[in-house]
Amino acid sequence: MVSRGRPRRLVGATALMLALTLSSTAVLAYADLLPQHLDLGFDLDLGLFEDAAPTGLPHVAQKIALGGPLSIVAFGSSSTEGIGASSPAAAYPARLEAGLRRALPHLGSKITVTNRGIGGEAVDEMLARLDRDVIAPRPDLVIWQTGSNDALRGISLDHFREATEAALERIRAAGIDVVLMEPQWCPTLDATPGADRFRDAVRTLGADLGVPVIRRSDLMRDWIGQGRLTRTELFASDGLHMADGGYALLAEAAQDTVLDGAEAAPVALAEAGTD
């Protein structure tokens, strides 16, 4: 996992040059603002960008480059709501907002992370409120934590995968970046036959669709293996949810995923445009 405090290329870069490398939408929008006599030092062929697929988190990168505001929706079930945390402020979305404000001081209070987690929900319940909680607010990014309750409730794996893929396509069609968060590693899911298939389905969807995935299961094992947390600090007493220590490290992982995804967007498309 990337360490906190690592210098970020996005911070301090000029808004213009980053916008030119973020996405086809950004390129075409900013091209109209360039003076006709401006010498960029290279020939800018906008046709190179017209069919370029978004890479990384281009909408997040654009907001960071232009100074915000940056809006994020944390969407999911109990791990997003913060069940097992000592207070709402200890849940991962609130910690993520605070961490991003520290990491991106030029945005500061213009970064908001809205908690839209409801404990106990599986994919169909979440999709029933997708328009209200994700599409309608038009955030720059949604972090979607999913798959745990589907395994616990015996939801069809095929249905979970198909419904999740359709929802991801709808979110991205609305101009919203997406990060997926896989199910947690915990005693309750370890004892649930087939639970690992839902974790693997989330990973496969991420790989197939080019969506970053927070590999929470591996991270939690690493936190214990590396001695960063004890089991008591990681797990709540119910054996299913995370405790404050786990949510704190989960917020760090989410922050690194967001910032790395923002960096990947301009770098990848800049390279594509220089071939």
C-alpha atoms as a PDB file:
ATOM      1  CA  MET A   1       0.000   0.000   0.000  1.00  0.00           C
ATOM      2  CA  VAL A   2       1.307   3.470  -0.818  1.00  0.00           C
ATOM      3  CA  SER A   3       2.549   5.300   2.237  1.00  0.00           C
ATOM      4  CA  ARG A   4       0.804   8.448   3.357  1.00  0.00           C
ATOM      5  CA  GLY A   5       2.692  11.625   2.639  1.00  0.00           C
ATOM      6  CA  ARG A   6       4.170  10.411  -0.646  1.00  0.00           C
ATOM      7  CA  PRO A   7       4.525  13.374  -3.009  1.00  0.00           C
ATOM      8  CA  ARG A   8       1.702  13.446  -5.518  1.00  0.00           C
ATOM      9  CA  ARG A   9       2.318  14.583  -9.084  1.00  0.00           C
ATOM     10  CA  LEU A  10      -1.160  16.075  -9.304  1.00  0.00           C
ATOM     11  CA  VAL A  11      -0.590  18.577  -6.504  1.00  0.00           C
ATOM     12  CA  GLY A  12       1.104  21.687  -7.823  1.00  0.00           C
ATOM     13  CA  ALA A  13       0.772  20.789 -11.526  1.00  0.00           C
ATOM     14  CA  THR A  14      -0.850  23.325 -13.797  1.00  0.00           C
ATOM     15  CA  ALA A  15      -4.556  22.876 -14.349  1.00  0.00           C
ATOM     16  CA  LEU A  16      -4.243  23.382 -18.078  1.00  0.00           C
ATOM     17  CA  MET A  17      -1.732  20.653 -18.841  1.00  0.00           C
ATOM     18  CA  LEU A  18      -3.454  18.132 -16.616  1.00  0.00           C
ATOM     19  CA  ALA A  19      -6.802  18.879 -18.182  1.00  0.00           C
ATOM     20  CA  LEU A  20      -5.297  18.247 -21.581  1.00  0.00           C
ATOM     21  CA  THR A  21      -4.341  14.725 -20.494  1.00  0.00           C
ATOM     22  CA  LEU A  22      -7.302  13.694 -18.360  1.00  0.00           C
ATOM     23  CA  SER A  23      -9.872  12.442 -20.838  1.00  0.00           C
ATOM     24  CA  SER A  24     -11.394  13.140 -24.194  1.00  0.00           C
ATOM     25  CA  THR A  25     -14.076  15.267 -22.522  1.00  0.00           C
ATOM     26  CA  ALA A  26     -11.510  17.415 -20.743  1.00  0.00           C
ATOM     27  CA  VAL A  27      -9.348  17.780 -23.841  1.00  0.00           C
ATOM     28  CA  LEU A  28     -12.183  18.908 -26.063  1.00  0.00           C
ATOM     29  CA  ALA A  29     -13.516  21.322 -23.452  1.00  0.00           C
ATOM     30  CA  TYR A  30     -10.171  22.979 -22.786  1.00  0.00           C
ATOM     31  CA  ALA A  31      -9.121  23.134 -26.422  1.00  0.00           C
ATOM     32  CA  ASP A  32     -11.770  25.793 -26.978  1.00  0.00           C
ATOM     33  CA  LEU A  33     -10.162  27.946 -24.281  1.00  0.00           C
ATOM     34  CA  LEU A  34      -6.630  27.900 -25.736  1.00  0.00           C
ATOM     35  CA  PRO A  35      -5.451  31.033 -27.561  1.00  0.00           C
ATOM     36  CA  GLN A  36      -5.039  30.269 -31.243  1.00  0.00           C
ATOM     37  CA  HIS A  37      -1.423  31.478 -31.229  1.00  0.00           C
ATOM     38  CA  LEU A  38      -0.370  29.475 -28.142  1.00  0.00           C
ATOM     39  CA  ASP A  39       2.754  27.365 -28.808  1.00  0.00           C
ATOM     40  CA  LEU A  40       2.540  24.180 -26.711  1.00  0.00           C
ATOM     41  CA  GLY A  41       5.822  22.853 -28.043  1.00  0.00           C
ATOM     42  CA  PHE A  42       4.070  19.946 -29.774  1.00  0.00           C
ATOM     43  CA  ASP A  43       1.194  19.356 -32.160  1.00  0.00           C
ATOM     44  CA  LEU A  44      -2.033  18.523 -30.316  1.00  0.00           C
ATOM     45  CA  ASP A  45      -4.145  16.138 -32.399  1.00  0.00           C
ATOM     46  CA  LEU A  46      -7.548  16.079 -30.681  1.00  0.00           C
ATOM     47  CA  GLY A  47      -8.547  13.114 -32.812  1.00  0.00           C
ATOM     48  CA  LEU A  48      -6.236  10.969 -30.707  1.00  0.00           C
ATOM     49  CA  PHE A  49      -8.506  11.521 -27.718  1.00  0.00           C
ATOM     50  CA  GLU A  50     -11.942  11.237 -29.255  1.00  0.00           C
ATOM     51  CA  ASP A  51     -12.166   7.470 -28.852  1.00  0.00           C
ATOM     52  CA  ALA A  52      -9.865   7.094 -25.856  1.00  0.00           C
ATOM     53  CA  ALA A  53     -11.392   5.083 -23.028  1.00  0.00           C
ATOM     54  CA  PRO A  54     -11.192   6.633 -19.544  1.00  0.00           C
ATOM     55  CA  THR A  55      -8.289   5.291 -17.521  1.00  0.00           C
ATOM     56  CA  GLY A  56      -7.900   5.533 -13.767  1.00  0.00           C
ATOM     57  CA  LEU A  57     -10.244   8.085 -12.204  1.00  0.00           C
ATOM     58  CA  PRO A  58     -10.408  10.926 -14.762  1.00  0.00           C
ATOM     59  CA  HIS A  59     -13.214  12.916 -13.144  1.00  0.00           C
ATOM     60  CA  VAL A  60     -11.420  12.887  -9.796  1.00  0.00           C
ATOM     61  CA  ALA A  61      -8.182  13.918 -11.515  1.00  0.00           C
ATOM     62  CA  GLN A  62      -9.933  16.803 -13.228  1.00  0.00           C
ATOM     63  CA  LYS A  63     -11.364  18.153  -9.983  1.00  0.00           C
ATOM     64  CA  ILE A  64      -7.987  17.875  -8.244  1.00  0.00           C
ATOM     65  CA  ALA A  65      -6.288  19.712 -11.106  1.00  0.00           C
ATOM     66  CA  LEU A  66      -8.873  22.483 -11.250  1.00  0.00           C
ATOM     67  CA  GLY A  67      -9.175  23.018  -7.504  1.00  0.00           C
ATOM     68  CA  GLY A  68     -12.425  21.209  -6.799  1.00  0.00           C
ATOM     69  CA  PRO A  69     -14.987  20.816  -5.499  1.00  0.00           C
ATOM     70  CA  LEU A  70     -14.524  17.043  -5.236  1.00  0.00           C
ATOM     71  CA  SER A  71     -17.611  15.023  -4.312  1.00  0.00           C
ATOM     72  CA  ILE A  72     -17.446  11.345  -3.320  1.00  0.00           C
ATOM     73  CA  VAL A  73     -20.291   8.992  -2.371  1.00  0.00           C
ATOM     74  CA  ALA A  74     -19.450   5.999  -0.179  1.00  0.00           C
ATOM     75  CA  PHE A  75     -22.096   3.471  -1.211  1.00  0.00           C
ATOM     76  CA  GLY A  76     -22.632   0.089   0.386  1.00  0.00           C
ATOM     77  CA  SER A  77     -23.860  -1.791   3.412  1.00  0.00           C
ATOM     78  CA  SER A  78     -22.762  -2.007   7.058  1.00  0.00           C
ATOM     79  CA  SER A  79     -19.032  -1.595   6.422  1.00  0.00           C
ATOM     80  CA  THR A  80     -19.811   1.741   4.809  1.00  0.00           C
ATOM     81  CA  GLU A  81     -22.421   2.779   7.365  1.00  0.00           C
ATOM     82  CA  GLY A  82     -19.840   2.033  10.055  1.00  0.00           C
ATOM     83  CA  ILE A  83     -21.416  -0.761  12.086  1.00  0.00           C
ATOM     84  CA  GLY A  84     -18.858  -1.781  14.707  1.00  0.00           C
ATOM     85  CA  ALA A  85     -17.244   1.668  14.839  1.00  0.00           C
ATOM     86  CA  SER A  86     -17.414   3.637  18.070  1.00  0.00           C
ATOM     87  CA  SER A  87     -19.012   6.638  16.322  1.00  0.00           C
ATOM     88  CA  PRO A  88     -19.898   7.866  12.802  1.00  0.00           C
ATOM     89  CA  ALA A  89     -16.653   9.847  12.805  1.00  0.00           C
ATOM     90  CA  ALA A  90     -14.713   6.582  13.184  1.00  0.00           C
ATOM     91  CA  ALA A  91     -16.328   4.954  10.119  1.00  0.00           C
ATOM     92  CA  TYR A  92     -14.203   4.826   6.982  1.00  0.00           C
ATOM     93  CA  PRO A  93     -16.077   7.507   4.931  1.00  0.00           C
ATOM     94  CA  ALA A  94     -15.568  10.213   7.566  1.00  0.00           C
ATOM     95  CA  ARG A  95     -11.933   9.207   7.991  1.00  0.00           C
ATOM     96  CA  LEU A  96     -11.460   9.219   4.212  1.00  0.00           C
ATOM     97  CA  GLU A  97     -12.795  12.761   3.947  1.00  0.00           C
ATOM     98  CA  ALA A  98     -10.420  13.953   6.659  1.00  0.00           C
ATOM     99  CA  GLY A  99      -7.467  12.148   5.084  1.00  0.00           C
ATOM    100  CA  LEU A 100      -8.090  13.529   1.600  1.00  0.00           C
ATOM    101  CA  ARG A 101      -8.421  17.054   2.967  1.00  0.00           C
ATOM    102  CA  ARG A 102      -4.985  16.677   4.560  1.00  0.00           C
ATOM    103  CA  ALA A 103      -3.483  15.108   1.426  1.00  0.00           C
ATOM    104  CA  LEU A 104      -4.958  17.763  -0.890  1.00  0.00           C
ATOM    105  CA  PRO A 105      -4.761  21.011   1.102  1.00  0.00           C
ATOM    106  CA  HIS A 106      -5.493  23.134  -1.968  1.00  0.00           C
ATOM    107  CA  LEU A 107      -8.986  21.585  -1.990  1.00  0.00           C
ATOM    108  CA  GLY A 108      -9.471  21.329   1.777  1.00  0.00           C
ATOM    109  CA  SER A 109     -13.110  21.752   2.741  1.00  0.00           C
ATOM    110  CA  LYS A 110     -14.161  21.472  -0.909  1.00  0.00           C
ATOM    111  CA  ILE A 111     -13.769  17.691  -0.553  1.00  0.00           C
ATOM    112  CA  THR A 112     -16.898  15.905   0.683  1.00  0.00           C
ATOM    113  CA  VAL A 113     -17.440  12.196   1.276  1.00  0.00           C
ATOM    114  CA  THR A 114     -21.116  11.364   1.791  1.00  0.00           C
ATOM    115  CA  ASN A 115     -21.931   8.159   3.668  1.00  0.00           C
ATOM    116  CA  ARG A 116     -24.660   6.204   1.890  1.00  0.00           C
ATOM    117  CA  GLY A 117     -24.186   2.865   3.612  1.00  0.00           C
ATOM    118  CA  ILE A 118     -27.153   0.874   4.938  1.00  0.00           C
ATOM    119  CA  GLY A 119     -26.419  -2.223   6.972  1.00  0.00           C
ATOM    120  CA  GLY A 120     -27.707  -5.595   5.819  1.00  0.00           C
ATOM    121  CA  GLU A 121     -28.291  -4.704   2.172  1.00  0.00           C
ATOM    122  CA  ALA A 122     -27.464  -7.031  -0.728  1.00  0.00           C
ATOM    123  CA  VAL A 123     -27.204  -6.070  -4.373  1.00  0.00           C
ATOM    124  CA  ASP A 124     -30.940  -5.719  -5.114  1.00  0.00           C
ATOM    125  CA  GLU A 125     -31.557  -3.375  -2.173  1.00  0.00           C
ATOM    126  CA  MET A 126     -28.609  -1.244  -3.173  1.00  0.00           C
ATOM    127  CA  LEU A 127     -29.726  -1.080  -6.785  1.00  0.00           C
ATOM    128  CA  ALA A 128     -33.187   0.040  -5.637  1.00  0.00           C
ATOM    129  CA  ARG A 129     -31.603   3.232  -4.324  1.00  0.00           C
ATOM    130  CA  LEU A 130     -28.879   3.628  -6.945  1.00  0.00           C
ATOM    131  CA  ASP A 131     -30.635   6.498  -8.708  1.00  0.00           C
ATOM    132  CA  ARG A 132     -31.384   8.373  -5.497  1.00  0.00           C
ATOM    133  CA  ASP A 133     -28.059   7.919  -3.715  1.00  0.00           C
ATOM    134  CA  VAL A 134     -25.547   7.746  -6.588  1.00  0.00           C
ATOM    135  CA  ILE A 135     -26.855   8.854  -9.989  1.00  0.00           C
ATOM    136  CA  ALA A 136     -28.977  11.858  -8.996  1.00  0.00           C
ATOM    137  CA  PRO A 137     -26.346  13.572  -6.789  1.00  0.00           C
ATOM    138  CA  ARG A 138     -23.798  13.304  -9.659  1.00  0.00           C
ATOM    139  CA  PRO A 139     -20.673  12.881  -7.531  1.00  0.00           C
ATOM    140  CA  ASP A 140     -17.251  12.716  -9.125  1.00  0.00           C
ATOM    141  CA  LEU A 141     -16.643   9.285  -7.609  1.00  0.00           C
ATOM    142  CA  VAL A 142     -18.569   6.463  -5.964  1.00  0.00           C
ATOM    143  CA  ILE A 143     -16.782   3.893  -3.804  1.00  0.00           C
ATOM    144  CA  TRP A 144     -19.053   0.858  -3.873  1.00  0.00           C
ATOM    145  CA  GLN A 145     -18.583  -1.685  -1.074  1.00  0.00           C
ATOM    146  CA  THR A 146     -20.498  -4.852  -1.899  1.00  0.00           C
ATOM    147  CA  GLY A 147     -20.688  -8.639  -1.838  1.00  0.00           C
ATOM    148  CA  SER A 148     -20.703  -9.504   1.869  1.00  0.00           C
ATOM    149  CA  ASN A 149     -24.435  -9.750   2.485  1.00  0.00           C
ATOM    150  CA  ASP A 150     -25.021 -11.482  -0.832  1.00  0.00           C
ATOM    151  CA  ALA A 151     -22.790 -14.331   0.330  1.00  0.00           C
ATOM    152  CA  LEU A 152     -24.407 -14.452   3.761  1.00  0.00           C
ATOM    153  CA  ARG A 153     -27.930 -14.489   2.327  1.00  0.00           C
ATOM    154  CA  GLY A 154     -27.324 -17.072  -0.386  1.00  0.00           C
ATOM    155  CA  ILE A 155     -27.881 -14.705  -3.308  1.00  0.00           C
ATOM    156  CA  SER A 156     -27.163 -16.295  -6.686  1.00  0.00           C
ATOM    157  CA  LEU A 157     -23.594 -15.547  -7.700  1.00  0.00           C
ATOM    158  CA  ASP A 158     -24.638 -15.103 -11.342  1.00  0.00           C
ATOM    159  CA  HIS A 159     -27.352 -12.637 -10.357  1.00  0.00           C
ATOM    160  CA  PHE A 160     -24.919 -10.700  -8.173  1.00  0.00           C
ATOM    161  CA  ARG A 161     -22.375 -10.492 -10.957  1.00  0.00           C
ATOM    162  CA  GLU A 162     -24.851  -9.514 -13.697  1.00  0.00           C
ATOM    163  CA  ALA A 163     -26.672  -6.932 -11.578  1.00  0.00           C
ATOM    164  CA  THR A 164     -23.427  -5.386 -10.360  1.00  0.00           C
ATOM    165  CA  GLU A 165     -21.983  -5.154 -13.872  1.00  0.00           C
ATOM    166  CA  ALA A 166     -25.140  -3.467 -15.199  1.00  0.00           C
ATOM    167  CA  ALA A 167     -25.056  -0.958 -12.344  1.00  0.00           C
ATOM    168  CA  LEU A 168     -21.381  -0.178 -12.930  1.00  0.00           C
ATOM    169  CA  GLU A 169     -22.118   0.582 -16.563  1.00  0.00           C
ATOM    170  CA  ARG A 170     -24.968   2.898 -15.554  1.00  0.00           C
ATOM    171  CA  ILE A 171     -22.776   4.746 -13.083  1.00  0.00           C
ATOM    172  CA  ARG A 172     -20.000   5.309 -15.586  1.00  0.00           C
ATOM    173  CA  ALA A 173     -22.469   6.297 -18.302  1.00  0.00           C
ATOM    174  CA  ALA A 174     -23.581   9.076 -15.937  1.00  0.00           C
ATOM    175  CA  GLY A 175     -20.033  10.463 -15.912  1.00  0.00           C
ATOM    176  CA  ILE A 176     -19.110   9.163 -12.459  1.00  0.00           C
ATOM    177  CA  ASP A 177     -15.838   7.414 -11.622  1.00  0.00           C
ATOM    178  CA  VAL A 178     -16.102   4.117  -9.722  1.00  0.00           C
ATOM    179  CA  VAL A 179     -14.001   2.218  -7.203  1.00  0.00           C
ATOM    180  CA  LEU A 180     -15.161  -1.188  -5.963  1.00  0.00           C
ATOM    181  CA  MET A 181     -14.539  -2.504  -2.445  1.00  0.00           C
ATOM    182  CA  GLU A 182     -14.638  -6.271  -1.998  1.00  0.00           C
ATOM    183  CA  PRO A 183     -16.068  -8.177   1.007  1.00  0.00           C
ATOM    184  CA  GLN A 184     -14.094  -8.250   4.227  1.00  0.00           C
ATOM    185  CA  TRP A 185     -12.071 -11.087   5.659  1.00  0.00           C
ATOM    186  CA  CYS A 186     -13.744 -12.146   8.892  1.00  0.00           C
ATOM    187  CA  PRO A 187     -14.661 -15.254  10.911  1.00  0.00           C
ATOM    188  CA  THR A 188     -18.317 -15.121   9.859  1.00  0.00           C
ATOM    189  CA  LEU A 189     -17.560 -15.094   6.119  1.00  0.00           C
ATOM    190  CA  ASP A 190     -14.815 -17.685   6.576  1.00  0.00           C
ATOM    191  CA  ALA A 191     -17.517 -20.014   7.914  1.00  0.00           C
ATOM    192  CA  THR A 192     -19.898 -19.251   5.013  1.00  0.00           C
ATOM    193  CA  PRO A 193     -19.550 -21.765   2.131  1.00  0.00           C
ATOM    194  CA  GLY A 194     -18.821 -20.063  -1.183  1.00  0.00           C
ATOM    195  CA  ALA A 195     -18.266 -16.590   0.279  1.00  0.00           C
ATOM    196  CA  ASP A 196     -14.892 -16.281  -1.428  1.00  0.00           C
ATOM    197  CA  ARG A 197     -16.628 -16.532  -4.817  1.00  0.00           C
ATOM    198  CA  PHE A 198     -18.252 -13.139  -4.233  1.00  0.00           C
ATOM    199  CA  ARG A 199     -14.874 -11.628  -3.379  1.00  0.00           C
ATOM    200  CA  ASP A 200     -13.455 -13.113  -6.585  1.00  0.00           C
ATOM    201  CA  ALA A 201     -16.450 -11.863  -8.591  1.00  0.00           C
ATOM    202  CA  VAL A 202     -15.779  -8.296  -7.459  1.00  0.00           C
ATOM    203  CA  ARG A 203     -12.140  -8.634  -8.453  1.00  0.00           C
ATOM    204  CA  THR A 204     -13.043 -10.066 -11.836  1.00  0.00           C
ATOM    205  CA  LEU A 205     -15.535  -7.287 -12.547  1.00  0.00           C
ATOM    206  CA  GLY A 206     -12.889  -4.724 -11.674  1.00  0.00           C
ATOM    207  CA  ALA A 207     -10.356  -6.327 -14.004  1.00  0.00           C
ATOM    208  CA  ASP A 208     -12.843  -6.771 -16.856  1.00  0.00           C
ATOM    209  CA  LEU A 209     -14.228  -3.233 -16.666  1.00  0.00           C
ATOM    210  CA  GLY A 210     -11.071  -1.354 -15.701  1.00  0.00           C
ATOM    211  CA  VAL A 211     -12.468  -0.402 -12.291  1.00  0.00           C
ATOM    212  CA  PRO A 212     -10.038  -0.143  -9.340  1.00  0.00           C
ATOM    213  CA  VAL A 213     -10.781  -2.622  -6.527  1.00  0.00           C
ATOM    214  CA  ILE A 214      -9.887  -2.150  -2.868  1.00  0.00           C
ATOM    215  CA  ARG A 215      -8.807  -5.690  -1.971  1.00  0.00           C
ATOM    216  CA  ARG A 216     -10.009  -5.499   1.584  1.00  0.00           C
ATOM    217  CA  SER A 217      -9.726  -9.215   2.290  1.00  0.00           C
ATOM    218  CA  ASP A 218      -6.005  -9.296   1.496  1.00  0.00           C
ATOM    219  CA  LEU A 219      -5.406  -5.993   3.267  1.00  0.00           C
ATOM    220  CA  MET A 220      -7.000  -7.195   6.493  1.00  0.00           C
ATOM    221  CA  ARG A 221      -4.881 -10.339   6.509  1.00  0.00           C
ATOM    222  CA  ASP A 222      -1.788  -8.217   5.899  1.00  0.00           C
ATOM    223  CA  TRP A 223      -2.625  -5.865   8.766  1.00  0.00           C
ATOM    224  CA  ILE A 224      -2.673  -8.825  11.130  1.00  0.00           C
ATOM    225  CA  GLY A 225       0.347 -10.528   9.555  1.00  0.00           C
ATOM    226  CA  GLN A 226       2.434  -7.357   9.657  1.00  0.00           C
ATOM    227  CA  GLY A 227       1.460  -6.636  13.251  1.00  0.00           C
ATOM    228  CA  ARG A 228      -0.288  -3.364  12.447  1.00  0.00           C
ATOM    229  CA  LEU A 229      -3.414  -4.485  14.313  1.00  0.00           C
ATOM    230  CA  THR A 230      -4.417  -7.195  16.720  1.00  0.00           C
ATOM    231  CA  ARG A 231      -7.583  -9.153  16.010  1.00  0.00           C
ATOM    232  CA  THR A 232      -9.322  -7.239  18.798  1.00  0.00           C
ATOM    233  CA  GLU A 233      -8.388  -3.940  17.153  1.00  0.00           C
ATOM    234  CA  LEU A 234      -9.461  -5.152  13.714  1.00  0.00           C
ATOM    235  CA  PHE A 235     -12.740  -6.961  14.413  1.00  0.00           C
ATOM    236  CA  ALA A 236     -15.854  -5.944  16.305  1.00  0.00           C
ATOM    237  CA  SER A 237     -17.126  -8.403  18.902  1.00  0.00           C
ATOM    238  CA  ASP A 238     -19.702  -9.880  16.479  1.00  0.00           C
ATOM    239  CA  GLY A 239     -17.010 -11.464  14.301  1.00  0.00           C
ATOM    240  CA  LEU A 240     -18.406  -9.837  11.167  1.00  0.00           C
ATOM    241  CA  HIS A 241     -17.821  -6.103  11.248  1.00  0.00           C
ATOM    242  CA  MET A 242     -14.681  -4.044  11.642  1.00  0.00           C
ATOM    243  CA  ALA A 243     -13.689  -2.097  14.746  1.00  0.00           C
ATOM    244  CA  ASP A 244     -12.141   1.375  14.861  1.00  0.00           C
ATOM    245  CA  GLY A 245      -8.623   0.158  14.079  1.00  0.00           C
ATOM    246  CA  GLY A 246      -9.809  -1.630  10.962  1.00  0.00           C
ATOM    247  CA  TYR A 247     -11.831   1.329   9.735  1.00  0.00           C
ATOM    248  CA  ALA A 248      -8.840   3.636  10.186  1.00  0.00           C
ATOM    249  CA  LEU A 249      -6.619   1.485   7.974  1.00  0.00           C
ATOM    250  CA  LEU A 250      -9.448   0.939   5.483  1.00  0.00           C
ATOM    251  CA  ALA A 251      -9.748   4.707   5.085  1.00  0.00           C
ATOM    252  CA  GLU A 252      -6.009   4.883   4.356  1.00  0.00           C
ATOM    253  CA  ALA A 253      -6.359   2.186   1.707  1.00  0.00           C
ATOM    254  CA  ALA A 254      -9.323   3.992   0.138  1.00  0.00           C
ATOM    255  CA  GLN A 255      -7.399   7.265   0.127  1.00  0.00           C
ATOM    256  CA  ASP A 256      -4.427   5.676  -1.627  1.00  0.00           C
ATOM    257  CA  THR A 257      -6.740   4.095  -4.198  1.00  0.00           C
ATOM    258  CA  VAL A 258      -8.392   7.444  -4.954  1.00  0.00           C
ATOM    259  CA  LEU A 259      -5.125   9.347  -5.298  1.00  0.00           C
ATOM    260  CA  ASP A 260      -3.407   6.612  -7.291  1.00  0.00           C
ATOM    261  CA  GLY A 261      -6.432   6.389  -9.594  1.00  0.00           C
ATOM    262  CA  ALA A 262      -6.328  10.139 -10.149  1.00  0.00           C
ATOM    263  CA  GLU A 263      -2.647   9.956 -11.043  1.00  0.00           C
ATOM    264  CA  ALA A 264      -3.213   7.059 -13.436  1.00  0.00           C
ATOM    265  CA  ALA A 265      -5.765   8.991 -15.494  1.00  0.00           C
ATOM    266  CA  PRO A 266      -3.546  11.778 -16.877  1.00  0.00           C
ATOM    267  CA  VAL A 267      -0.417   9.645 -17.143  1.00  0.00           C
ATOM    268  CA  ALA A 268      -2.040   6.909 -19.195  1.00  0.00           C
ATOM    269  CA  LEU A 269      -3.765   9.243 -21.627  1.00  0.00           C
ATOM    270  CA  ALA A 270      -0.754  11.488 -21.965  1.00  0.00           C
ATOM    271  CA  GLU A 271       1.277   8.494 -23.069  1.00  0.00           C
ATOM    272  CA  ALA A 272      -1.468   7.424 -25.475  1.00  0.00           C
ATOM    273  CA  GLY A 273      -1.397  10.856 -27.060  1.00  0.00           C
ATOM    274  CA  THR A 274       2.329  10.825 -27.772  1.00  0.00           C
ATOM    275  CA  ASP A 275       2.464   7.674 -29.907  1.00  0.00           C
END
